[in-house]
Amino acid sequence: RPDFLHTYDVKPDEAVSAFKTRVQHREGVPVSQQRLIHQGREMMEGTLADYKVREMSTIDMTMRLRGG
């Protein structure tokens, strides 16, 4: 499966949960399945600034898969 690059305008004080909701609306990936990684740290809670996200940062998203 190919990788995709999508650009988002971000504000450092934006909550990670709010950003994940924006990703869900734009990409169609439910928040519960998103795993966002910035500089090797999984973004779980807090704000984007807590993870040192700034202009031109790259956030990787992988999808959580259900076991079965």
PDB file of N, CA and C in Angstrom:
ATOM      1  N   ARG A   1       0.844  -1.178   0.000  1.00  0.00           N
ATOM      2  CA  ARG A   1       0.000   0.000   0.000  1.00  0.00           C
ATOM      3  C   ARG A   1       0.890   1.242   0.000  1.00  0.00           C
ATOM      4  N   PRO A   2       0.630   2.180  -0.903  1.00  0.00           N
ATOM      5  CA  PRO A   2       1.496   3.357  -0.995  1.00  0.00           C
ATOM      6  C   PRO A   2       1.299   4.298   0.196  1.00  0.00           C
ATOM      7  N   ASP A   3       2.338   5.091   0.434  1.00  0.00           N
ATOM      8  CA  ASP A   3       2.253   6.122   1.463  1.00  0.00           C
ATOM      9  C   ASP A   3       1.666   7.379   0.837  1.00  0.00           C
ATOM     10  N   PHE A   4       0.988   8.164   1.664  1.00  0.00           N
ATOM     11  CA  PHE A   4       0.400   9.411   1.207  1.00  0.00           C
ATOM     12  C   PHE A   4       0.887  10.530   2.105  1.00  0.00           C
ATOM     13  N   LEU A   5       1.037  11.714   1.542  1.00  0.00           N
ATOM     14  CA  LEU A   5       1.419  12.888   2.309  1.00  0.00           C
ATOM     15  C   LEU A   5       0.282  13.888   2.217  1.00  0.00           C
ATOM     16  N   HIS A   6      -0.250  14.273   3.352  1.00  0.00           N
ATOM     17  CA  HIS A   6      -1.313  15.261   3.406  1.00  0.00           C
ATOM     18  C   HIS A   6      -0.844  16.396   4.296  1.00  0.00           C
ATOM     19  N   THR A   7      -1.188  17.614   3.929  1.00  0.00           N
ATOM     20  CA  THR A   7      -0.754  18.794   4.666  1.00  0.00           C
ATOM     21  C   THR A   7      -1.907  19.350   5.490  1.00  0.00           C
ATOM     22  N   TYR A   8      -1.605  19.696   6.730  1.00  0.00           N
ATOM     23  CA  TYR A   8      -2.579  20.289   7.651  1.00  0.00           C
ATOM     24  C   TYR A   8      -1.997  21.567   8.231  1.00  0.00           C
ATOM     25  N   ASP A   9      -2.841  22.572   8.399  1.00  0.00           N
ATOM     26  CA  ASP A   9      -2.456  23.745   9.173  1.00  0.00           C
ATOM     27  C   ASP A   9      -2.674  23.394  10.635  1.00  0.00           C
ATOM     28  N   VAL A  10      -1.661  23.641  11.462  1.00  0.00           N
ATOM     29  CA  VAL A  10      -1.768  23.282  12.877  1.00  0.00           C
ATOM     30  C   VAL A  10      -1.447  24.480  13.757  1.00  0.00           C
ATOM     31  N   LYS A  11      -2.014  24.454  14.946  1.00  0.00           N
ATOM     32  CA  LYS A  11      -1.705  25.442  15.971  1.00  0.00           C
ATOM     33  C   LYS A  11      -1.124  24.672  17.151  1.00  0.00           C
ATOM     34  N   PRO A  12      -0.014  25.149  17.721  1.00  0.00           N
ATOM     35  CA  PRO A  12       0.630  24.412  18.812  1.00  0.00           C
ATOM     36  C   PRO A  12      -0.286  24.120  19.992  1.00  0.00           C
ATOM     37  N   ASP A  13      -1.251  25.010  20.246  1.00  0.00           N
ATOM     38  CA  ASP A  13      -2.129  24.805  21.407  1.00  0.00           C
ATOM     39  C   ASP A  13      -3.326  23.904  21.101  1.00  0.00           C
ATOM     40  N   GLU A  14      -3.395  23.374  19.884  1.00  0.00           N
ATOM     41  CA  GLU A  14      -4.496  22.468  19.532  1.00  0.00           C
ATOM     42  C   GLU A  14      -4.334  21.143  20.273  1.00  0.00           C
ATOM     43  N   ALA A  15      -5.423  20.648  20.819  1.00  0.00           N
ATOM     44  CA  ALA A  15      -5.398  19.360  21.517  1.00  0.00           C
ATOM     45  C   ALA A  15      -5.175  18.234  20.516  1.00  0.00           C
ATOM     46  N   VAL A  16      -4.428  17.225  20.942  1.00  0.00           N
ATOM     47  CA  VAL A  16      -4.210  16.048  20.105  1.00  0.00           C
ATOM     48  C   VAL A  16      -5.554  15.441  19.717  1.00  0.00           C
ATOM     49  N   SER A  17      -6.493  15.391  20.656  1.00  0.00           N
ATOM     50  CA  SER A  17      -7.812  14.812  20.368  1.00  0.00           C
ATOM     51  C   SER A  17      -8.535  15.596  19.273  1.00  0.00           C
ATOM     52  N   ALA A  18      -8.410  16.924  19.284  1.00  0.00           N
ATOM     53  CA  ALA A  18      -9.045  17.747  18.251  1.00  0.00           C
ATOM     54  C   ALA A  18      -8.379  17.515  16.897  1.00  0.00           C
ATOM     55  N   PHE A  19      -7.060  17.384  16.891  1.00  0.00           N
ATOM     56  CA  PHE A  19      -6.352  17.118  15.643  1.00  0.00           C
ATOM     57  C   PHE A  19      -6.761  15.763  15.074  1.00  0.00           C
ATOM     58  N   LYS A  20      -6.867  14.756  15.940  1.00  0.00           N
ATOM     59  CA  LYS A  20      -7.297  13.429  15.483  1.00  0.00           C
ATOM     60  C   LYS A  20      -8.703  13.477  14.900  1.00  0.00           C
ATOM     61  N   THR A  21      -9.565  14.307  15.467  1.00  0.00           N
ATOM     62  CA  THR A  21     -10.920  14.461  14.925  1.00  0.00           C
ATOM     63  C   THR A  21     -10.863  15.082  13.533  1.00  0.00           C
ATOM     64  N   ARG A  22      -9.982  16.066  13.348  1.00  0.00           N
ATOM     65  CA  ARG A  22      -9.823  16.669  12.015  1.00  0.00           C
ATOM     66  C   ARG A  22      -9.325  15.630  11.011  1.00  0.00           C
ATOM     67  N   VAL A  23      -8.378  14.803  11.435  1.00  0.00           N
ATOM     68  CA  VAL A  23      -7.867  13.744  10.558  1.00  0.00           C
ATOM     69  C   VAL A  23      -9.001  12.783  10.195  1.00  0.00           C
ATOM     70  N   GLN A  24      -9.829  12.445  11.174  1.00  0.00           N
ATOM     71  CA  GLN A  24     -10.958  11.540  10.909  1.00  0.00           C
ATOM     72  C   GLN A  24     -11.884  12.121   9.853  1.00  0.00           C
ATOM     73  N   HIS A  25     -12.225  13.397   9.984  1.00  0.00           N
ATOM     74  CA  HIS A  25     -13.142  14.016   9.019  1.00  0.00           C
ATOM     75  C   HIS A  25     -12.531  14.078   7.622  1.00  0.00           C
ATOM     76  N   ARG A  26     -11.244  14.342   7.544  1.00  0.00           N
ATOM     77  CA  ARG A  26     -10.605  14.517   6.239  1.00  0.00           C
ATOM     78  C   ARG A  26     -10.183  13.195   5.598  1.00  0.00           C
ATOM     79  N   GLU A  27      -9.677  12.267   6.400  1.00  0.00           N
ATOM     80  CA  GLU A  27      -9.129  11.023   5.855  1.00  0.00           C
ATOM     81  C   GLU A  27     -10.084   9.843   5.966  1.00  0.00           C
ATOM     82  N   GLY A  28     -11.108   9.971   6.823  1.00  0.00           N
ATOM     83  CA  GLY A  28     -12.056   8.881   6.996  1.00  0.00           C
ATOM     84  C   GLY A  28     -11.565   7.770   7.911  1.00  0.00           C
ATOM     85  N   VAL A  29     -10.496   8.030   8.669  1.00  0.00           N
ATOM     86  CA  VAL A  29      -9.951   7.031   9.597  1.00  0.00           C
ATOM     87  C   VAL A  29     -10.464   7.360  10.996  1.00  0.00           C
ATOM     88  N   PRO A  30     -11.237   6.467  11.611  1.00  0.00           N
ATOM     89  CA  PRO A  30     -11.768   6.745  12.950  1.00  0.00           C
ATOM     90  C   PRO A  30     -10.651   7.024  13.956  1.00  0.00           C
ATOM     91  N   VAL A  31     -10.918   7.956  14.868  1.00  0.00           N
ATOM     92  CA  VAL A  31      -9.943   8.312  15.905  1.00  0.00           C
ATOM     93  C   VAL A  31      -9.424   7.066  16.613  1.00  0.00           C
ATOM     94  N   SER A  32     -10.308   6.125  16.884  1.00  0.00           N
ATOM     95  CA  SER A  32      -9.927   4.918  17.628  1.00  0.00           C
ATOM     96  C   SER A  32      -8.917   4.049  16.880  1.00  0.00           C
ATOM     97  N   GLN A  33      -8.806   4.247  15.563  1.00  0.00           N
ATOM     98  CA  GLN A  33      -7.867   3.451  14.763  1.00  0.00           C
ATOM     99  C   GLN A  33      -6.589   4.210  14.417  1.00  0.00           C
ATOM    100  N   GLN A  34      -6.532   5.497  14.773  1.00  0.00           N
ATOM    101  CA  GLN A  34      -5.359   6.299  14.446  1.00  0.00           C
ATOM    102  C   GLN A  34      -4.253   6.095  15.475  1.00  0.00           C
ATOM    103  N   ARG A  35      -3.045   5.998  14.964  1.00  0.00           N
ATOM    104  CA  ARG A  35      -1.854   6.006  15.813  1.00  0.00           C
ATOM    105  C   ARG A  35      -0.936   7.052  15.200  1.00  0.00           C
ATOM    106  N   LEU A  36      -0.861   8.230  15.838  1.00  0.00           N
ATOM    107  CA  LEU A  36      -0.059   9.331  15.317  1.00  0.00           C
ATOM    108  C   LEU A  36       1.288   9.363  16.027  1.00  0.00           C
ATOM    109  N   ILE A  37       2.363   9.450  15.233  1.00  0.00           N
ATOM    110  CA  ILE A  37       3.723   9.417  15.757  1.00  0.00           C
ATOM    111  C   ILE A  37       4.469  10.664  15.287  1.00  0.00           C
ATOM    112  N   HIS A  38       5.085  11.388  16.227  1.00  0.00           N
ATOM    113  CA  HIS A  38       5.928  12.532  15.878  1.00  0.00           C
ATOM    114  C   HIS A  38       7.254  12.386  16.613  1.00  0.00           C
ATOM    115  N   GLN A  39       8.343  12.393  15.861  1.00  0.00           N
ATOM    116  CA  GLN A  39       9.698  12.248  16.407  1.00  0.00           C
ATOM    117  C   GLN A  39       9.803  11.044  17.344  1.00  0.00           C
ATOM    118  N   GLY A  40       9.203   9.939  16.938  1.00  0.00           N
ATOM    119  CA  GLY A  40       9.303   8.698  17.690  1.00  0.00           C
ATOM    120  C   GLY A  40       8.381   8.575  18.887  1.00  0.00           C
ATOM    121  N   ARG A  41       7.547   9.576  19.126  1.00  0.00           N
ATOM    122  CA  ARG A  41       6.630   9.545  20.271  1.00  0.00           C
ATOM    123  C   ARG A  41       5.191   9.439  19.781  1.00  0.00           C
ATOM    124  N   GLU A  42       4.446   8.498  20.332  1.00  0.00           N
ATOM    125  CA  GLU A  42       3.034   8.385  19.984  1.00  0.00           C
ATOM    126  C   GLU A  42       2.268   9.515  20.650  1.00  0.00           C
ATOM    127  N   MET A  43       1.456  10.198  19.857  1.00  0.00           N
ATOM    128  CA  MET A  43       0.684  11.343  20.347  1.00  0.00           C
ATOM    129  C   MET A  43      -0.633  10.830  20.920  1.00  0.00           C
ATOM    130  N   MET A  44      -0.724  10.816  22.239  1.00  0.00           N
ATOM    131  CA  MET A  44      -1.887  10.234  22.908  1.00  0.00           C
ATOM    132  C   MET A  44      -2.841  11.291  23.463  1.00  0.00           C
ATOM    133  N   GLU A  45      -2.310  12.305  24.123  1.00  0.00           N
ATOM    134  CA  GLU A  45      -3.141  13.317  24.788  1.00  0.00           C
ATOM    135  C   GLU A  45      -2.349  14.608  24.857  1.00  0.00           C
ATOM    136  N   GLY A  46      -2.932  15.620  25.472  1.00  0.00           N
ATOM    137  CA  GLY A  46      -2.249  16.907  25.576  1.00  0.00           C
ATOM    138  C   GLY A  46      -2.403  17.715  24.304  1.00  0.00           C
ATOM    139  N   THR A  47      -1.430  18.591  24.060  1.00  0.00           N
ATOM    140  CA  THR A  47      -1.482  19.462  22.889  1.00  0.00           C
ATOM    141  C   THR A  47      -0.381  19.086  21.902  1.00  0.00           C
ATOM    142  N   LEU A  48      -0.506  19.630  20.701  1.00  0.00           N
ATOM    143  CA  LEU A  48       0.527  19.381  19.693  1.00  0.00           C
ATOM    144  C   LEU A  48       1.877  19.910  20.171  1.00  0.00           C
ATOM    145  N   ALA A  49       1.864  21.040  20.896  1.00  0.00           N
ATOM    146  CA  ALA A  49       3.115  21.612  21.415  1.00  0.00           C
ATOM    147  C   ALA A  49       3.809  20.659  22.383  1.00  0.00           C
ATOM    148  N   ASP A  50       3.036  19.862  23.108  1.00  0.00           N
ATOM    149  CA  ASP A  50       3.629  18.890  24.038  1.00  0.00           C
ATOM    150  C   ASP A  50       4.528  17.894  23.307  1.00  0.00           C
ATOM    151  N   TYR A  51       4.275  17.706  22.020  1.00  0.00           N
ATOM    152  CA  TYR A  51       5.052  16.770  21.202  1.00  0.00           C
ATOM    153  C   TYR A  51       6.002  17.509  20.256  1.00  0.00           C
ATOM    154  N   LYS A  52       6.156  18.814  20.502  1.00  0.00           N
ATOM    155  CA  LYS A  52       7.057  19.663  19.712  1.00  0.00           C
ATOM    156  C   LYS A  52       6.664  19.735  18.232  1.00  0.00           C
ATOM    157  N   VAL A  53       5.362  19.660  17.964  1.00  0.00           N
ATOM    158  CA  VAL A  53       4.865  19.825  16.598  1.00  0.00           C
ATOM    159  C   VAL A  53       4.865  21.314  16.278  1.00  0.00           C
ATOM    160  N   ARG A  54       5.439  21.644  15.141  1.00  0.00           N
ATOM    161  CA  ARG A  54       5.463  23.038  14.701  1.00  0.00           C
ATOM    162  C   ARG A  54       5.337  23.072  13.186  1.00  0.00           C
ATOM    163  N   GLU A  55       5.446  24.263  12.620  1.00  0.00           N
ATOM    164  CA  GLU A  55       5.348  24.407  11.170  1.00  0.00           C
ATOM    165  C   GLU A  55       6.349  23.482  10.486  1.00  0.00           C
ATOM    166  N   MET A  56       5.900  22.806   9.462  1.00  0.00           N
ATOM    167  CA  MET A  56       6.695  21.892   8.641  1.00  0.00           C
ATOM    168  C   MET A  56       7.048  20.578   9.343  1.00  0.00           C
ATOM    169  N   SER A  57       6.431  20.291  10.479  1.00  0.00           N
ATOM    170  CA  SER A  57       6.644  18.998  11.140  1.00  0.00           C
ATOM    171  C   SER A  57       5.984  17.896  10.324  1.00  0.00           C
ATOM    172  N   THR A  58       6.509  16.698  10.456  1.00  0.00           N
ATOM    173  CA  THR A  58       5.905  15.528   9.830  1.00  0.00           C
ATOM    174  C   THR A  58       5.376  14.614  10.920  1.00  0.00           C
ATOM    175  N   ILE A  59       4.097  14.265  10.812  1.00  0.00           N
ATOM    176  CA  ILE A  59       3.455  13.336  11.739  1.00  0.00           C
ATOM    177  C   ILE A  59       3.104  12.093  10.938  1.00  0.00           C
ATOM    178  N   ASP A  60       3.557  10.952  11.400  1.00  0.00           N
ATOM    179  CA  ASP A  60       3.240   9.693  10.729  1.00  0.00           C
ATOM    180  C   ASP A  60       1.978   9.104  11.340  1.00  0.00           C
ATOM    181  N   MET A  61       1.111   8.557  10.490  1.00  0.00           N
ATOM    182  CA  MET A  61      -0.086   7.894  10.985  1.00  0.00           C
ATOM    183  C   MET A  61      -0.070   6.442  10.536  1.00  0.00           C
ATOM    184  N   THR A  62      -0.256   5.561  11.481  1.00  0.00           N
ATOM    185  CA  THR A  62      -0.502   4.166  11.159  1.00  0.00           C
ATOM    186  C   THR A  62      -1.876   3.831  11.718  1.00  0.00           C
ATOM    187  N   MET A  63      -2.435   2.754  11.243  1.00  0.00           N
ATOM    188  CA  MET A  63      -3.768   2.374  11.705  1.00  0.00           C
ATOM    189  C   MET A  63      -3.666   1.203  12.658  1.00  0.00           C
ATOM    190  N   ARG A  64      -4.416   1.296  13.729  1.00  0.00           N
ATOM    191  CA  ARG A  64      -4.495   0.187  14.680  1.00  0.00           C
ATOM    192  C   ARG A  64      -5.353  -0.896  14.042  1.00  0.00           C
ATOM    193  N   LEU A  65      -4.880  -2.118  14.099  1.00  0.00           N
ATOM    194  CA  LEU A  65      -5.638  -3.236  13.543  1.00  0.00           C
ATOM    195  C   LEU A  65      -6.226  -4.050  14.676  1.00  0.00           C
ATOM    196  N   ARG A  66      -7.438  -4.502  14.478  1.00  0.00           N
ATOM    197  CA  ARG A  66      -8.079  -5.348  15.480  1.00  0.00           C
ATOM    198  C   ARG A  66      -7.525  -6.756  15.390  1.00  0.00           C
ATOM    199  N   GLY A  67      -7.213  -7.320  16.539  1.00  0.00           N
ATOM    200  CA  GLY A  67      -6.799  -8.720  16.561  1.00  0.00           C
ATOM    201  C   GLY A  67      -8.024  -9.613  16.435  1.00  0.00           C
ATOM    202  N   GLY A  68      -7.828 -10.847  16.050  1.00  0.00           N
ATOM    203  CA  GLY A  68      -8.995 -11.690  15.929  1.00  0.00           C
ATOM    204  C   GLY A  68      -8.671 -13.104  15.592  1.00  0.00           C
TER     205      GLY A  68
END
